[in-house]
Each structure stands twice: as C-alpha cells, then as structure tokens.
Amino acid sequence: MFEKEPQKINPNDSGIDFSKSEKIRKHFKNNNTRFYSETTPGPVIGDVLVIYVDTKRLKSLIELQQEKLLIDIEKNTKIKIKKLNIQVDNNQQ
C-alpha cells in the first residue's frame, strides 16, 4: 500500500505578500504628494501592487505617471514592483 504523508497547506497561497504591503502602506502614509494622499495602497500580489483610487480621472493620471511612482516606491522602500494595478473604488464606479 501507499504511505502518503498529509500535504501541508500554505495559509498564504493567494500570493499576497503582507510585509511588502505594510511597508508600502507606511510609505504612502508618510509621503505628502498628491498621488499618495489621494490613493489607497492595496495588497502586493507577486510583483504587482494594487492601488485604489476615487475617480477615473485620477486613475488616468496615475497610469501616465506609473514608471515614476514605481521608481519612487523602489527607492524609498527597497521593494521591487514590476507593475501597478490601478482600480477605482467600488463606491465610485
């Protein structure tokens, strides 16, 4: 017969890195620029940071400034993010 050990389940199979998310959240809170004050950082999933915004206009502006924001986040938090996933909050859609 087969002797099979039970498979251990990883509680974080979603790919969300909570330590990176918390560092970025602190960076957004401490930074006083317009983009950071009008946005809410979400989770870091793999190498993608989710950012929640209030308006579609702000979403467009952040998409245009995406590279600049990625460089600023990497420089200040030492976290390498490849892409931003910008989403409008549910109550504004």
PDB file of N, CA and C in Angstrom:
ATOM      1  N   MET A   1       0.834  -1.188   0.000  1.00  0.00           N
ATOM      2  CA  MET A   1       0.000   0.000   0.000  1.00  0.00           C
ATOM      3  C   MET A   1       0.879   1.253   0.000  1.00  0.00           C
ATOM      4  N   PHE A   2       0.260   2.336  -0.384  1.00  0.00           N
ATOM      5  CA  PHE A   2       0.978   3.605  -0.436  1.00  0.00           C
ATOM      6  C   PHE A   2       0.938   4.293   0.919  1.00  0.00           C
ATOM      7  N   GLU A   3       2.092   4.739   1.339  1.00  0.00           N
ATOM      8  CA  GLU A   3       2.189   5.531   2.561  1.00  0.00           C
ATOM      9  C   GLU A   3       2.318   6.989   2.128  1.00  0.00           C
ATOM     10  N   LYS A   4       1.256   7.717   2.227  1.00  0.00           N
ATOM     11  CA  LYS A   4       1.285   9.109   1.786  1.00  0.00           C
ATOM     12  C   LYS A   4       1.116  10.036   2.985  1.00  0.00           C
ATOM     13  N   GLU A   5       2.073  10.930   3.115  1.00  0.00           N
ATOM     14  CA  GLU A   5       2.009  11.911   4.193  1.00  0.00           C
ATOM     15  C   GLU A   5       0.966  12.966   3.841  1.00  0.00           C
ATOM     16  N   PRO A   6       0.278  13.515   4.833  1.00  0.00           N
ATOM     17  CA  PRO A   6      -0.667  14.593   4.535  1.00  0.00           C
ATOM     18  C   PRO A   6       0.076  15.814   3.999  1.00  0.00           C
ATOM     19  N   GLN A   7      -0.520  16.449   3.042  1.00  0.00           N
ATOM     20  CA  GLN A   7       0.102  17.617   2.427  1.00  0.00           C
ATOM     21  C   GLN A   7      -0.155  18.836   3.291  1.00  0.00           C
ATOM     22  N   LYS A   8       0.916  19.558   3.587  1.00  0.00           N
ATOM     23  CA  LYS A   8       0.811  20.751   4.404  1.00  0.00           C
ATOM     24  C   LYS A   8       0.264  21.890   3.541  1.00  0.00           C
ATOM     25  N   ILE A   9      -0.703  22.591   4.069  1.00  0.00           N
ATOM     26  CA  ILE A   9      -1.331  23.676   3.328  1.00  0.00           C
ATOM     27  C   ILE A   9      -0.687  24.987   3.738  1.00  0.00           C
ATOM     28  N   ASN A  10      -0.269  25.756   2.751  1.00  0.00           N
ATOM     29  CA  ASN A  10       0.296  27.068   2.999  1.00  0.00           C
ATOM     30  C   ASN A  10      -0.857  28.057   3.186  1.00  0.00           C
ATOM     31  N   PRO A  11      -0.913  28.754   4.325  1.00  0.00           N
ATOM     32  CA  PRO A  11      -2.031  29.663   4.548  1.00  0.00           C
ATOM     33  C   PRO A  11      -2.009  30.873   3.623  1.00  0.00           C
ATOM     34  N   ASN A  12      -0.889  31.126   2.960  1.00  0.00           N
ATOM     35  CA  ASN A  12      -0.797  32.283   2.083  1.00  0.00           C
ATOM     36  C   ASN A  12      -0.650  31.840   0.632  1.00  0.00           C
ATOM     37  N   ASP A  13      -1.505  30.967   0.159  1.00  0.00           N
ATOM     38  CA  ASP A  13      -1.448  30.527  -1.231  1.00  0.00           C
ATOM     39  C   ASP A  13      -1.951  31.579  -2.205  1.00  0.00           C
ATOM     40  N   SER A  14      -2.510  32.663  -1.699  1.00  0.00           N
ATOM     41  CA  SER A  14      -3.044  33.697  -2.572  1.00  0.00           C
ATOM     42  C   SER A  14      -1.940  34.489  -3.266  1.00  0.00           C
ATOM     43  N   GLY A  15      -0.725  34.435  -2.755  1.00  0.00           N
ATOM     44  CA  GLY A  15       0.389  35.171  -3.356  1.00  0.00           C
ATOM     45  C   GLY A  15       0.543  36.570  -2.794  1.00  0.00           C
ATOM     46  N   ILE A  16      -0.269  36.940  -1.833  1.00  0.00           N
ATOM     47  CA  ILE A  16      -0.183  38.273  -1.242  1.00  0.00           C
ATOM     48  C   ILE A  16       0.976  38.306  -0.249  1.00  0.00           C
ATOM     49  N   ASP A  17       1.837  39.307  -0.416  1.00  0.00           N
ATOM     50  CA  ASP A  17       2.964  39.486   0.495  1.00  0.00           C
ATOM     51  C   ASP A  17       2.604  40.606   1.473  1.00  0.00           C
ATOM     52  N   PHE A  18       2.221  40.217   2.683  1.00  0.00           N
ATOM     53  CA  PHE A  18       1.724  41.190   3.650  1.00  0.00           C
ATOM     54  C   PHE A  18       2.817  42.118   4.165  1.00  0.00           C
ATOM     55  N   SER A  19       4.054  41.641   4.248  1.00  0.00           N
ATOM     56  CA  SER A  19       5.133  42.505   4.740  1.00  0.00           C
ATOM     57  C   SER A  19       5.430  43.621   3.738  1.00  0.00           C
ATOM     58  N   LYS A  20       5.438  43.291   2.444  1.00  0.00           N
ATOM     59  CA  LYS A  20       5.638  44.324   1.419  1.00  0.00           C
ATOM     60  C   LYS A  20       4.470  45.302   1.410  1.00  0.00           C
ATOM     61  N   SER A  21       3.266  44.776   1.531  1.00  0.00           N
ATOM     62  CA  SER A  21       2.075  45.629   1.528  1.00  0.00           C
ATOM     63  C   SER A  21       2.127  46.622   2.680  1.00  0.00           C
ATOM     64  N   GLU A  22       2.561  46.178   3.849  1.00  0.00           N
ATOM     65  CA  GLU A  22       2.622  47.057   5.015  1.00  0.00           C
ATOM     66  C   GLU A  22       3.690  48.133   4.850  1.00  0.00           C
ATOM     67  N   LYS A  23       4.853  47.777   4.294  1.00  0.00           N
ATOM     68  CA  LYS A  23       5.903  48.774   4.050  1.00  0.00           C
ATOM     69  C   LYS A  23       5.424  49.846   3.073  1.00  0.00           C
ATOM     70  N   ILE A  24       4.749  49.425   2.014  1.00  0.00           N
ATOM     71  CA  ILE A  24       4.259  50.377   1.024  1.00  0.00           C
ATOM     72  C   ILE A  24       3.150  51.231   1.621  1.00  0.00           C
ATOM     73  N   ARG A  25       2.295  50.655   2.450  1.00  0.00           N
ATOM     74  CA  ARG A  25       1.227  51.421   3.106  1.00  0.00           C
ATOM     75  C   ARG A  25       1.824  52.522   3.987  1.00  0.00           C
ATOM     76  N   LYS A  26       2.903  52.199   4.723  1.00  0.00           N
ATOM     77  CA  LYS A  26       3.571  53.202   5.562  1.00  0.00           C
ATOM     78  C   LYS A  26       4.198  54.296   4.700  1.00  0.00           C
ATOM     79  N   HIS A  27       4.780  53.909   3.569  1.00  0.00           N
ATOM     80  CA  HIS A  27       5.382  54.891   2.660  1.00  0.00           C
ATOM     81  C   HIS A  27       4.320  55.847   2.127  1.00  0.00           C
ATOM     82  N   PHE A  28       3.159  55.332   1.739  1.00  0.00           N
ATOM     83  CA  PHE A  28       2.080  56.174   1.238  1.00  0.00           C
ATOM     84  C   PHE A  28       1.597  57.129   2.334  1.00  0.00           C
ATOM     85  N   LYS A  29       1.531  56.632   3.560  1.00  0.00           N
ATOM     86  CA  LYS A  29       1.034  57.446   4.670  1.00  0.00           C
ATOM     87  C   LYS A  29       2.001  58.576   5.008  1.00  0.00           C
ATOM     88  N   ASN A  30       3.307  58.308   4.927  1.00  0.00           N
ATOM     89  CA  ASN A  30       4.319  59.296   5.293  1.00  0.00           C
ATOM     90  C   ASN A  30       4.631  60.277   4.170  1.00  0.00           C
ATOM     91  N   ASN A  31       4.253  59.979   2.942  1.00  0.00           N
ATOM     92  CA  ASN A  31       4.557  60.834   1.807  1.00  0.00           C
ATOM     93  C   ASN A  31       3.395  61.795   1.578  1.00  0.00           C
ATOM     94  N   ASN A  32       3.691  63.061   1.368  1.00  0.00           N
ATOM     95  CA  ASN A  32       2.644  64.079   1.274  1.00  0.00           C
ATOM     96  C   ASN A  32       2.357  64.550  -0.148  1.00  0.00           C
ATOM     97  N   THR A  33       2.784  63.813  -1.159  1.00  0.00           N
ATOM     98  CA  THR A  33       2.485  64.236  -2.521  1.00  0.00           C
ATOM     99  C   THR A  33       1.029  63.957  -2.854  1.00  0.00           C
ATOM    100  N   ARG A  34       0.537  64.569  -3.907  1.00  0.00           N
ATOM    101  CA  ARG A  34      -0.867  64.474  -4.282  1.00  0.00           C
ATOM    102  C   ARG A  34      -1.291  63.044  -4.591  1.00  0.00           C
ATOM    103  N   PHE A  35      -0.457  62.323  -5.326  1.00  0.00           N
ATOM    104  CA  PHE A  35      -0.812  60.955  -5.698  1.00  0.00           C
ATOM    105  C   PHE A  35      -0.969  60.064  -4.466  1.00  0.00           C
ATOM    106  N   TYR A  36      -0.061  60.205  -3.529  1.00  0.00           N
ATOM    107  CA  TYR A  36      -0.093  59.338  -2.361  1.00  0.00           C
ATOM    108  C   TYR A  36      -1.252  59.674  -1.428  1.00  0.00           C
ATOM    109  N   SER A  37      -1.595  60.963  -1.330  1.00  0.00           N
ATOM    110  CA  SER A  37      -2.664  61.337  -0.409  1.00  0.00           C
ATOM    111  C   SER A  37      -4.046  61.001  -0.955  1.00  0.00           C
ATOM    112  N   GLU A  38      -4.191  60.894  -2.275  1.00  0.00           N
ATOM    113  CA  GLU A  38      -5.496  60.630  -2.882  1.00  0.00           C
ATOM    114  C   GLU A  38      -5.690  59.165  -3.264  1.00  0.00           C
ATOM    115  N   THR A  39      -4.749  58.312  -2.913  1.00  0.00           N
ATOM    116  CA  THR A  39      -4.853  56.893  -3.265  1.00  0.00           C
ATOM    117  C   THR A  39      -4.757  56.035  -2.007  1.00  0.00           C
ATOM    118  N   THR A  40      -5.218  54.809  -2.135  1.00  0.00           N
ATOM    119  CA  THR A  40      -5.120  53.837  -1.048  1.00  0.00           C
ATOM    120  C   THR A  40      -4.367  52.620  -1.573  1.00  0.00           C
ATOM    121  N   PRO A  41      -3.221  52.305  -0.978  1.00  0.00           N
ATOM    122  CA  PRO A  41      -2.493  51.126  -1.444  1.00  0.00           C
ATOM    123  C   PRO A  41      -3.194  49.852  -1.018  1.00  0.00           C
ATOM    124  N   GLY A  42      -3.224  48.905  -1.908  1.00  0.00           N
ATOM    125  CA  GLY A  42      -3.806  47.603  -1.616  1.00  0.00           C
ATOM    126  C   GLY A  42      -2.715  46.577  -1.412  1.00  0.00           C
ATOM    127  N   PRO A  43      -3.008  45.329  -1.625  1.00  0.00           N
ATOM    128  CA  PRO A  43      -2.015  44.273  -1.410  1.00  0.00           C
ATOM    129  C   PRO A  43      -0.985  44.198  -2.540  1.00  0.00           C
ATOM    130  N   VAL A  44       0.160  43.620  -2.220  1.00  0.00           N
ATOM    131  CA  VAL A  44       1.164  43.294  -3.225  1.00  0.00           C
ATOM    132  C   VAL A  44       0.969  41.822  -3.568  1.00  0.00           C
ATOM    133  N   ILE A  45       0.582  41.563  -4.800  1.00  0.00           N
ATOM    134  CA  ILE A  45       0.334  40.192  -5.254  1.00  0.00           C
ATOM    135  C   ILE A  45       1.433  39.845  -6.248  1.00  0.00           C
ATOM    136  N   GLY A  46       2.365  39.014  -5.812  1.00  0.00           N
ATOM    137  CA  GLY A  46       3.529  38.718  -6.648  1.00  0.00           C
ATOM    138  C   GLY A  46       4.387  39.963  -6.755  1.00  0.00           C
ATOM    139  N   ASP A  47       4.531  40.491  -7.966  1.00  0.00           N
ATOM    140  CA  ASP A  47       5.272  41.735  -8.202  1.00  0.00           C
ATOM    141  C   ASP A  47       4.353  42.863  -8.631  1.00  0.00           C
ATOM    142  N   VAL A  48       3.083  42.764  -8.322  1.00  0.00           N
ATOM    143  CA  VAL A  48       2.085  43.750  -8.745  1.00  0.00           C
ATOM    144  C   VAL A  48       1.477  44.397  -7.504  1.00  0.00           C
ATOM    145  N   LEU A  49       1.487  45.731  -7.480  1.00  0.00           N
ATOM    146  CA  LEU A  49       0.869  46.488  -6.394  1.00  0.00           C
ATOM    147  C   LEU A  49      -0.508  46.953  -6.837  1.00  0.00           C
ATOM    148  N   VAL A  50      -1.515  46.680  -6.029  1.00  0.00           N
ATOM    149  CA  VAL A  50      -2.867  47.137  -6.308  1.00  0.00           C
ATOM    150  C   VAL A  50      -3.053  48.481  -5.622  1.00  0.00           C
ATOM    151  N   ILE A  51      -3.529  49.476  -6.389  1.00  0.00           N
ATOM    152  CA  ILE A  51      -3.786  50.809  -5.847  1.00  0.00           C
ATOM    153  C   ILE A  51      -5.249  51.150  -6.117  1.00  0.00           C
ATOM    154  N   TYR A  52      -5.934  51.617  -5.070  1.00  0.00           N
ATOM    155  CA  TYR A  52      -7.330  52.020  -5.200  1.00  0.00           C
ATOM    156  C   TYR A  52      -7.411  53.537  -5.258  1.00  0.00           C
ATOM    157  N   VAL A  53      -8.189  54.045  -6.219  1.00  0.00           N
ATOM    158  CA  VAL A  53      -8.365  55.483  -6.390  1.00  0.00           C
ATOM    159  C   VAL A  53      -9.854  55.816  -6.328  1.00  0.00           C
ATOM    160  N   ASP A  54     -10.162  57.110  -6.165  1.00  0.00           N
ATOM    161  CA  ASP A  54     -11.549  57.534  -6.035  1.00  0.00           C
ATOM    162  C   ASP A  54     -12.209  57.867  -7.369  1.00  0.00           C
ATOM    163  N   THR A  55     -11.429  58.348  -8.342  1.00  0.00           N
ATOM    164  CA  THR A  55     -12.022  58.802  -9.602  1.00  0.00           C
ATOM    165  C   THR A  55     -11.299  58.205 -10.807  1.00  0.00           C
ATOM    166  N   LYS A  56     -11.990  58.181 -11.925  1.00  0.00           N
ATOM    167  CA  LYS A  56     -11.383  57.702 -13.170  1.00  0.00           C
ATOM    168  C   LYS A  56     -10.312  58.669 -13.665  1.00  0.00           C
ATOM    169  N   ARG A  57     -10.491  59.957 -13.384  1.00  0.00           N
ATOM    170  CA  ARG A  57      -9.503  60.958 -13.775  1.00  0.00           C
ATOM    171  C   ARG A  57      -8.172  60.681 -13.071  1.00  0.00           C
ATOM    172  N   LEU A  58      -8.237  60.405 -11.794  1.00  0.00           N
ATOM    173  CA  LEU A  58      -7.023  60.110 -11.035  1.00  0.00           C
ATOM    174  C   LEU A  58      -6.387  58.808 -11.515  1.00  0.00           C
ATOM    175  N   LYS A  59      -7.201  57.831 -11.882  1.00  0.00           N
ATOM    176  CA  LYS A  59      -6.682  56.575 -12.419  1.00  0.00           C
ATOM    177  C   LYS A  59      -5.870  56.839 -13.685  1.00  0.00           C
ATOM    178  N   SER A  60      -6.393  57.694 -14.561  1.00  0.00           N
ATOM    179  CA  SER A  60      -5.678  58.033 -15.798  1.00  0.00           C
ATOM    180  C   SER A  60      -4.366  58.743 -15.506  1.00  0.00           C
ATOM    181  N   LEU A  61      -4.384  59.667 -14.549  1.00  0.00           N
ATOM    182  CA  LEU A  61      -3.164  60.394 -14.197  1.00  0.00           C
ATOM    183  C   LEU A  61      -2.095  59.454 -13.638  1.00  0.00           C
ATOM    184  N   ILE A  62      -2.502  58.534 -12.796  1.00  0.00           N
ATOM    185  CA  ILE A  62      -1.533  57.598 -12.210  1.00  0.00           C
ATOM    186  C   ILE A  62      -0.994  56.648 -13.263  1.00  0.00           C
ATOM    187  N   GLU A  63      -1.837  56.242 -14.214  1.00  0.00           N
ATOM    188  CA  GLU A  63      -1.349  55.379 -15.295  1.00  0.00           C
ATOM    189  C   GLU A  63      -0.272  56.084 -16.100  1.00  0.00           C
ATOM    190  N   LEU A  64      -0.416  57.405 -16.296  1.00  0.00           N
ATOM    191  CA  LEU A  64       0.604  58.160 -17.027  1.00  0.00           C
ATOM    192  C   LEU A  64       1.904  58.287 -16.221  1.00  0.00           C
ATOM    193  N   GLN A  65       1.800  58.352 -14.910  1.00  0.00           N
ATOM    194  CA  GLN A  65       2.962  58.519 -14.039  1.00  0.00           C
ATOM    195  C   GLN A  65       3.444  57.201 -13.427  1.00  0.00           C
ATOM    196  N   GLN A  66       3.031  56.080 -13.978  1.00  0.00           N
ATOM    197  CA  GLN A  66       3.294  54.773 -13.382  1.00  0.00           C
ATOM    198  C   GLN A  66       4.778  54.500 -13.175  1.00  0.00           C
ATOM    199  N   GLU A  67       5.599  54.747 -14.166  1.00  0.00           N
ATOM    200  CA  GLU A  67       7.042  54.468 -14.041  1.00  0.00           C
ATOM    201  C   GLU A  67       7.674  55.311 -12.942  1.00  0.00           C
ATOM    202  N   LYS A  68       7.283  56.576 -12.868  1.00  0.00           N
ATOM    203  CA  LYS A  68       7.813  57.458 -11.836  1.00  0.00           C
ATOM    204  C   LYS A  68       7.441  56.954 -10.440  1.00  0.00           C
ATOM    205  N   LEU A  69       6.201  56.528 -10.274  1.00  0.00           N
ATOM    206  CA  LEU A  69       5.759  56.009  -8.984  1.00  0.00           C
ATOM    207  C   LEU A  69       6.483  54.711  -8.617  1.00  0.00           C
ATOM    208  N   LEU A  70       6.681  53.832  -9.600  1.00  0.00           N
ATOM    209  CA  LEU A  70       7.387  52.576  -9.340  1.00  0.00           C
ATOM    210  C   LEU A  70       8.817  52.833  -8.881  1.00  0.00           C
ATOM    211  N   ILE A  71       9.478  53.792  -9.521  1.00  0.00           N
ATOM    212  CA  ILE A  71      10.851  54.134  -9.140  1.00  0.00           C
ATOM    213  C   ILE A  71      10.885  54.724  -7.739  1.00  0.00           C
ATOM    214  N   ASP A  72       9.930  55.597  -7.428  1.00  0.00           N
ATOM    215  CA  ASP A  72       9.866  56.218  -6.102  1.00  0.00           C
ATOM    216  C   ASP A  72       9.606  55.180  -5.009  1.00  0.00           C
ATOM    217  N   ILE A  73       8.697  54.248  -5.268  1.00  0.00           N
ATOM    218  CA  ILE A  73       8.406  53.200  -4.286  1.00  0.00           C
ATOM    219  C   ILE A  73       9.629  52.319  -4.069  1.00  0.00           C
ATOM    220  N   GLU A  74      10.310  51.958  -5.149  1.00  0.00           N
ATOM    221  CA  GLU A  74      11.502  51.102  -5.018  1.00  0.00           C
ATOM    222  C   GLU A  74      12.620  51.829  -4.278  1.00  0.00           C
ATOM    223  N   LYS A  75      12.799  53.112  -4.578  1.00  0.00           N
ATOM    224  CA  LYS A  75      13.874  53.873  -3.953  1.00  0.00           C
ATOM    225  C   LYS A  75      13.642  54.043  -2.446  1.00  0.00           C
ATOM    226  N   ASN A  76      12.403  54.257  -2.044  1.00  0.00           N
ATOM    227  CA  ASN A  76      12.118  54.552  -0.641  1.00  0.00           C
ATOM    228  C   ASN A  76      11.807  53.328   0.215  1.00  0.00           C
ATOM    229  N   THR A  77      11.377  52.236  -0.385  1.00  0.00           N
ATOM    230  CA  THR A  77      11.019  51.053   0.407  1.00  0.00           C
ATOM    231  C   THR A  77      11.906  49.850   0.127  1.00  0.00           C
ATOM    232  N   LYS A  78      12.755  49.937  -0.904  1.00  0.00           N
ATOM    233  CA  LYS A  78      13.632  48.827  -1.319  1.00  0.00           C
ATOM    234  C   LYS A  78      12.830  47.608  -1.768  1.00  0.00           C
ATOM    235  N   ILE A  79      11.618  47.831  -2.260  1.00  0.00           N
ATOM    236  CA  ILE A  79      10.759  46.762  -2.751  1.00  0.00           C
ATOM    237  C   ILE A  79      10.611  46.919  -4.254  1.00  0.00           C
ATOM    238  N   LYS A  80      10.930  45.867  -4.996  1.00  0.00           N
ATOM    239  CA  LYS A  80      10.864  45.879  -6.451  1.00  0.00           C
ATOM    240  C   LYS A  80       9.443  45.500  -6.898  1.00  0.00           C
ATOM    241  N   ILE A  81       8.743  46.461  -7.470  1.00  0.00           N
ATOM    242  CA  ILE A  81       7.399  46.253  -8.006  1.00  0.00           C
ATOM    243  C   ILE A  81       7.492  46.402  -9.527  1.00  0.00           C
ATOM    244  N   LYS A  82       6.944  45.432 -10.258  1.00  0.00           N
ATOM    245  CA  LYS A  82       7.026  45.478 -11.718  1.00  0.00           C
ATOM    246  C   LYS A  82       5.868  46.234 -12.352  1.00  0.00           C
ATOM    247  N   LYS A  83       4.724  46.259 -11.671  1.00  0.00           N
ATOM    248  CA  LYS A  83       3.530  46.810 -12.315  1.00  0.00           C
ATOM    249  C   LYS A  83       2.563  47.313 -11.260  1.00  0.00           C
ATOM    250  N   LEU A  84       1.757  48.311 -11.633  1.00  0.00           N
ATOM    251  CA  LEU A  84       0.681  48.787 -10.778  1.00  0.00           C
ATOM    252  C   LEU A  84      -0.643  48.323 -11.363  1.00  0.00           C
ATOM    253  N   ASN A  85      -1.528  47.875 -10.507  1.00  0.00           N
ATOM    254  CA  ASN A  85      -2.889  47.537 -10.900  1.00  0.00           C
ATOM    255  C   ASN A  85      -3.777  48.589 -10.261  1.00  0.00           C
ATOM    256  N   ILE A  86      -4.223  49.558 -11.048  1.00  0.00           N
ATOM    257  CA  ILE A  86      -4.966  50.696 -10.529  1.00  0.00           C
ATOM    258  C   ILE A  86      -6.454  50.434 -10.703  1.00  0.00           C
ATOM    259  N   GLN A  87      -7.189  50.495  -9.595  1.00  0.00           N
ATOM    260  CA  GLN A  87      -8.609  50.204  -9.617  1.00  0.00           C
ATOM    261  C   GLN A  87      -9.400  51.327  -8.974  1.00  0.00           C
ATOM    262  N   VAL A  88     -10.575  51.607  -9.519  1.00  0.00           N
ATOM    263  CA  VAL A  88     -11.460  52.613  -8.949  1.00  0.00           C
ATOM    264  C   VAL A  88     -12.242  51.945  -7.816  1.00  0.00           C
ATOM    265  N   ASP A  89     -12.359  52.648  -6.677  1.00  0.00           N
ATOM    266  CA  ASP A  89     -13.125  52.106  -5.547  1.00  0.00           C
ATOM    267  C   ASP A  89     -14.533  51.742  -5.969  1.00  0.00           C
ATOM    268  N   ASN A  90     -15.093  50.722  -5.349  1.00  0.00           N
ATOM    269  CA  ASN A  90     -16.419  50.223  -5.709  1.00  0.00           C
ATOM    270  C   ASN A  90     -17.510  51.267  -5.607  1.00  0.00           C
ATOM    271  N   ASN A  91     -17.434  52.149  -4.632  1.00  0.00           N
ATOM    272  CA  ASN A  91     -18.495  53.130  -4.450  1.00  0.00           C
ATOM    273  C   ASN A  91     -18.463  54.244  -5.498  1.00  0.00           C
ATOM    274  N   GLN A  92     -17.409  54.303  -6.331  1.00  0.00           N
ATOM    275  CA  GLN A  92     -17.298  55.340  -7.343  1.00  0.00           C
ATOM    276  C   GLN A  92     -17.525  54.837  -8.761  1.00  0.00           C
ATOM    277  N   GLN A  93     -17.692  53.550  -8.956  1.00  0.00           N
ATOM    278  CA  GLN A  93     -17.810  53.002 -10.307  1.00  0.00           C
ATOM    279  C   GLN A  93     -19.166  53.253 -10.889  1.00  0.00           C
TER     280      GLN A  93
END
